[in-house]
Amino acid sequence: MQLTPLPAFNDNYLWLWHSNTHAVVVDPGDGEVVLQALDRLQLRLQAILVTHHHADHTGGVDMLRAATQAVVYGPAGESIPNPYVPLSGGDAFDWQGQRIEVIDVPGHTAGHIAYFAPATGDPPLLFCGDTLFSGGCGRLFEGTAAQMLNSLDRLAALPGHTRVCCAHEYTLSNLRFALAVEPQNQALVAYHAQCQQLRAQGQPTLPSTLAQELAINPFMRSRQATVTQAVTQRSNQPLDEVAVFAHLREWKNQF
């Protein structure tokens, strides 16, 4: 199984997951980018996975469905271009012998889902849309801080070597904020240097891994003493864990 990030718009990645001549695409905001990649790689698109309803994740669905007859999967609780197979947390389906499990991850949007592939012979894969970014998390457009914290907890429970396929190249911006929160985190300092080098070479910083994110991502580390102390000092008041997370997200919004 191969994994190919397709850059689109200013900073999106549309993930193409393929084996031999068969392919799945995740969050195809731009159909033309996907069609060009299918032609270049001589692939047949069989499935389209959508994590949430935002246009930069769904804009190419109709074009790709019409051109390839691929089956579309998406969140049951959101408006996705029809027809599609509606999915909720706990659902699962198979593609090319690979099991794909659905995880509810509300927060960025109300009905956001993620796709987890335990994978056979390869490290597991997580297609998390705009819930988890390397070094960050999505803005709370429709959900609450409590929902997003719970969603990230669900993802944190997956195996550490899971490859995290985020939908945006936000890593360097996120890491600048993470360093403001945890300047003494040596794993974060090293990862920032590594990602700077990748971007200087024109390479994506993704996929990350869950183990990496648990070591460097302040939103997945919001219960760690170093993060809690930084947020509490900034707010100048005692905070419970949900309030710490909410203040952390608002700090990032203003950073």
Protein backbone atom coordinates (compact mmCIF):
# COMPACT_ATOMS: atom_id res chain seq x y z
CA MET A 1 0.00 0.00 0.00
CA GLN A 2 1.30 3.43 -0.92
CA LEU A 3 0.37 6.83 0.46
CA THR A 4 0.66 9.98 -1.67
CA PRO A 5 -0.19 13.50 -0.41
CA LEU A 6 -1.61 15.65 -3.20
CA PRO A 7 -1.09 19.38 -2.51
CA ALA A 8 -4.12 21.55 -3.28
CA PHE A 9 -5.15 25.17 -2.76
CA ASN A 10 -2.71 27.02 -0.46
CA ASP A 11 -2.01 24.34 2.13
CA ASN A 12 -4.38 21.34 1.77
CA TYR A 13 -3.31 17.76 1.33
CA LEU A 14 -5.66 15.35 -0.43
CA TRP A 15 -4.48 11.88 0.58
CA LEU A 16 -4.29 9.20 -2.12
CA TRP A 17 -3.97 5.69 -0.68
CA HIS A 18 -3.31 3.08 -3.33
CA SER A 19 -2.33 -0.50 -4.05
CA ASN A 20 -1.47 -1.80 -7.51
CA THR A 21 -4.03 0.01 -9.70
CA HIS A 22 -6.65 0.59 -6.98
CA ALA A 23 -6.98 3.85 -5.05
CA VAL A 24 -8.88 5.69 -2.32
CA VAL A 25 -8.79 9.47 -1.93
CA VAL A 26 -9.51 11.35 1.29
CA ASP A 27 -11.14 14.80 1.44
CA PRO A 28 -10.89 15.73 -2.26
CA GLY A 29 -11.53 19.45 -2.22
CA ASP A 30 -10.14 19.74 -5.76
CA GLY A 31 -11.25 17.03 -8.19
CA GLU A 32 -8.91 18.06 -11.00
CA VAL A 33 -5.81 17.53 -8.83
CA VAL A 34 -7.01 14.00 -8.08
CA LEU A 35 -7.84 13.16 -11.71
CA GLN A 36 -4.38 14.30 -12.80
CA ALA A 37 -2.76 12.09 -10.16
CA LEU A 38 -4.89 9.08 -11.12
CA ASP A 39 -3.85 9.51 -14.74
CA ARG A 40 -0.18 10.01 -13.87
CA LEU A 41 -0.04 6.99 -11.59
CA GLN A 42 -2.39 4.86 -13.72
CA LEU A 43 -4.82 4.27 -10.86
CA ARG A 44 -8.54 3.53 -10.69
CA LEU A 45 -10.38 5.41 -7.96
CA GLN A 46 -12.72 3.09 -6.06
CA ALA A 47 -13.63 5.07 -2.94
CA ILE A 48 -13.82 8.65 -1.67
CA LEU A 49 -13.59 9.23 2.09
CA VAL A 50 -14.88 12.53 3.48
CA THR A 51 -14.22 13.60 7.09
CA HIS A 52 -16.42 16.70 7.28
CA HIS A 53 -18.52 19.07 5.21
CA HIS A 54 -16.20 22.04 4.56
CA ALA A 55 -15.83 22.90 0.88
CA ASP A 56 -12.05 22.45 0.77
CA HIS A 57 -12.71 18.80 1.67
CA THR A 58 -15.77 18.12 -0.49
CA GLY A 59 -15.48 20.41 -3.52
CA GLY A 60 -14.25 17.69 -5.89
CA VAL A 61 -16.62 14.92 -4.79
CA ASP A 62 -19.23 15.34 -7.53
CA MET A 63 -16.61 15.58 -10.28
CA LEU A 64 -14.77 12.48 -9.08
CA ARG A 65 -17.93 10.44 -8.56
CA ALA A 66 -19.08 11.25 -12.10
CA ALA A 67 -15.67 10.53 -13.64
CA THR A 68 -14.83 7.33 -11.76
CA GLN A 69 -18.08 5.93 -10.27
CA ALA A 70 -16.21 5.72 -6.95
CA VAL A 71 -18.27 5.05 -3.82
CA VAL A 72 -18.42 8.06 -1.48
CA TYR A 73 -18.29 7.64 2.31
CA GLY A 74 -18.91 10.50 4.74
CA PRO A 75 -20.21 11.57 8.15
CA ALA A 76 -23.85 10.71 8.80
CA GLY A 77 -24.33 13.91 10.79
CA GLU A 78 -23.22 16.37 8.11
CA SER A 79 -24.34 17.48 4.65
CA ILE A 80 -22.12 15.76 2.08
CA PRO A 81 -22.77 15.73 -1.70
CA ASN A 82 -25.22 12.88 -2.37
CA PRO A 83 -25.31 10.00 -2.93
CA TYR A 84 -22.95 8.76 -0.22
CA VAL A 85 -22.68 6.07 2.45
CA PRO A 86 -23.35 7.74 5.84
CA LEU A 87 -21.01 6.64 8.63
CA SER A 88 -20.77 7.12 12.39
CA GLY A 89 -18.31 6.12 15.07
CA GLY A 90 -18.09 2.35 15.44
CA ASP A 91 -18.86 1.67 11.77
CA ALA A 92 -16.29 -0.17 9.64
CA PHE A 93 -15.88 -1.34 6.07
CA ASP A 94 -13.26 -3.14 3.97
CA TRP A 95 -11.30 -1.95 0.97
CA GLN A 96 -8.78 -4.17 -0.85
CA GLY A 97 -8.49 -6.39 2.21
CA GLN A 98 -7.91 -3.39 4.48
CA ARG A 99 -10.29 -2.75 7.35
CA ILE A 100 -11.25 0.92 7.76
CA GLU A 101 -12.80 1.94 11.09
CA VAL A 102 -14.76 5.12 11.75
CA ILE A 103 -14.16 7.30 14.83
CA ASP A 104 -16.44 10.18 15.87
CA VAL A 105 -14.28 13.28 16.45
CA PRO A 106 -16.59 16.32 16.86
CA GLY A 107 -15.08 19.69 17.67
CA HIS A 108 -13.95 21.34 14.45
CA THR A 109 -17.41 20.57 13.06
CA ALA A 110 -20.35 18.93 14.83
CA GLY A 111 -20.29 15.67 12.89
CA HIS A 112 -16.60 15.30 12.00
CA ILE A 113 -15.34 11.72 11.65
CA ALA A 114 -11.90 10.17 11.23
CA TYR A 115 -10.89 6.99 9.42
CA PHE A 116 -8.48 4.53 11.03
CA ALA A 117 -6.92 1.68 9.05
CA PRO A 118 -5.15 -0.84 11.31
CA ALA A 119 -3.37 -1.94 8.10
CA THR A 120 -1.94 -5.32 7.24
CA GLY A 121 1.84 -5.36 6.88
CA ASP A 122 2.12 -1.55 7.13
CA PRO A 123 1.94 0.88 10.08
CA PRO A 124 -1.66 1.90 10.83
CA LEU A 125 -3.12 4.96 9.13
CA LEU A 126 -5.27 7.75 10.55
CA PHE A 127 -7.06 10.16 8.22
CA CYS A 128 -8.12 12.82 10.70
CA GLY A 129 -9.25 15.72 8.48
CA ASP A 130 -9.09 18.98 10.44
CA THR A 131 -9.34 17.47 13.94
CA LEU A 132 -5.64 16.83 14.55
CA PHE A 133 -2.74 18.63 12.90
CA SER A 134 0.93 18.08 13.51
CA GLY A 135 1.59 20.31 16.49
CA GLY A 136 -2.00 21.54 16.64
CA CYS A 137 -5.71 20.89 16.31
CA GLY A 138 -8.60 22.36 14.36
CA ARG A 139 -10.46 25.51 15.32
CA LEU A 140 -13.72 25.00 17.19
CA PHE A 141 -16.14 26.20 14.53
CA GLU A 142 -19.15 24.10 15.57
CA GLY A 143 -18.10 22.04 18.60
CA THR A 144 -16.91 22.72 22.12
CA ALA A 145 -13.57 22.47 23.87
CA ALA A 146 -14.87 19.48 25.83
CA GLN A 147 -15.79 17.71 22.57
CA MET A 148 -12.42 18.39 20.97
CA LEU A 149 -10.53 17.26 24.06
CA ASN A 150 -12.55 14.04 24.08
CA SER A 151 -11.95 13.57 20.34
CA LEU A 152 -8.20 13.96 20.76
CA ASP A 153 -8.33 11.49 23.66
CA ARG A 154 -9.91 8.95 21.31
CA LEU A 155 -7.14 9.45 18.79
CA ALA A 156 -4.45 9.33 21.49
CA ALA A 157 -5.61 5.81 22.38
CA LEU A 158 -4.59 4.48 18.95
CA PRO A 159 -1.18 2.77 18.51
CA GLY A 160 1.79 5.12 18.77
CA HIS A 161 3.21 4.13 15.37
CA THR A 162 -0.04 5.16 13.63
CA ARG A 163 0.71 7.48 10.71
CA VAL A 164 -1.24 10.73 11.15
CA CYS A 165 -2.48 12.04 7.80
CA CYS A 166 -3.65 15.59 8.48
CA ALA A 167 -5.44 17.62 5.83
CA HIS A 168 -3.28 20.78 6.00
CA GLU A 169 0.39 21.76 5.99
CA TYR A 170 0.13 23.88 9.13
CA THR A 171 3.04 22.27 10.93
CA LEU A 172 5.59 25.09 11.15
CA SER A 173 2.98 27.62 12.27
CA ASN A 174 1.68 25.17 14.86
CA LEU A 175 5.18 24.44 16.15
CA ARG A 176 5.96 28.12 16.64
CA PHE A 177 2.97 28.26 18.96
CA ALA A 178 3.90 24.97 20.65
CA LEU A 179 7.35 26.40 21.41
CA ALA A 180 5.73 29.42 23.05
CA VAL A 181 3.82 27.03 25.32
CA GLU A 182 6.65 24.55 26.02
CA PRO A 183 9.99 26.20 25.14
CA GLN A 184 11.97 23.62 27.15
CA ASN A 185 10.46 20.59 25.40
CA GLN A 186 13.53 19.10 23.71
CA ALA A 187 11.52 16.68 21.57
CA LEU A 188 9.60 19.69 20.26
CA VAL A 189 12.78 21.68 19.58
CA ALA A 190 14.25 18.77 17.60
CA TYR A 191 11.02 18.15 15.68
CA HIS A 192 10.76 21.84 14.77
CA ALA A 193 14.27 21.75 13.31
CA GLN A 194 13.44 18.59 11.36
CA CYS A 195 10.25 20.10 9.92
CA GLN A 196 12.02 23.33 8.97
CA GLN A 197 14.51 21.27 6.99
CA LEU A 198 11.75 19.33 5.23
CA ARG A 199 9.91 22.48 4.20
CA ALA A 200 13.14 24.14 3.03
CA GLN A 201 13.55 21.14 0.71
CA GLY A 202 9.97 21.46 -0.53
CA GLN A 203 8.91 18.27 1.25
CA PRO A 204 5.74 17.73 3.32
CA THR A 205 6.07 17.42 7.08
CA LEU A 206 3.33 14.77 7.00
CA PRO A 207 2.43 12.13 7.86
CA SER A 208 3.41 12.49 11.48
CA THR A 209 2.90 9.71 14.03
CA LEU A 210 0.74 9.61 17.13
CA ALA A 211 3.79 9.01 19.31
CA GLN A 212 5.35 12.16 17.85
CA GLU A 213 2.23 14.20 18.50
CA LEU A 214 1.96 12.97 22.08
CA ALA A 215 5.52 14.20 22.60
CA ILE A 216 5.21 17.64 20.99
CA ASN A 217 1.59 18.72 20.42
CA PRO A 218 0.30 21.00 23.20
CA PHE A 219 -3.31 20.11 22.44
CA MET A 220 -2.57 16.43 23.02
CA ARG A 221 -0.46 17.38 26.05
CA SER A 222 -2.91 19.79 27.69
CA ARG A 223 -2.94 17.74 30.91
CA GLN A 224 0.87 17.76 31.16
CA ALA A 225 2.12 19.98 33.99
CA THR A 226 4.26 22.13 31.68
CA VAL A 227 1.30 22.96 29.44
CA THR A 228 -1.18 23.38 32.29
CA GLN A 229 1.20 25.74 34.11
CA ALA A 230 1.79 27.86 31.01
CA VAL A 231 -1.93 28.24 30.39
CA THR A 232 -2.78 28.85 34.06
CA GLN A 233 -0.10 31.52 34.39
CA ARG A 234 -1.40 33.24 31.29
CA SER A 235 -5.02 33.18 32.49
CA ASN A 236 -4.04 34.01 36.08
CA GLN A 237 -6.77 31.79 37.51
CA PRO A 238 -7.25 28.14 38.48
CA LEU A 239 -8.63 26.05 35.61
CA ASP A 240 -10.02 22.55 35.21
CA GLU A 241 -8.78 20.39 32.32
CA VAL A 242 -11.50 21.48 29.88
CA ALA A 243 -10.91 25.15 30.71
CA VAL A 244 -7.15 24.65 30.21
CA PHE A 245 -7.87 23.22 26.77
CA ALA A 246 -10.30 26.03 25.91
CA HIS A 247 -7.80 28.71 26.99
CA LEU A 248 -5.05 26.95 25.03
CA ARG A 249 -7.19 26.96 21.87
CA GLU A 250 -8.04 30.65 22.34
CA TRP A 251 -4.36 31.45 22.90
CA LYS A 252 -3.55 29.76 19.60
CA ASN A 253 -6.38 31.68 17.86
CA GLN A 254 -4.74 34.95 18.91
CA PHE A 255 -1.12 33.88 18.42
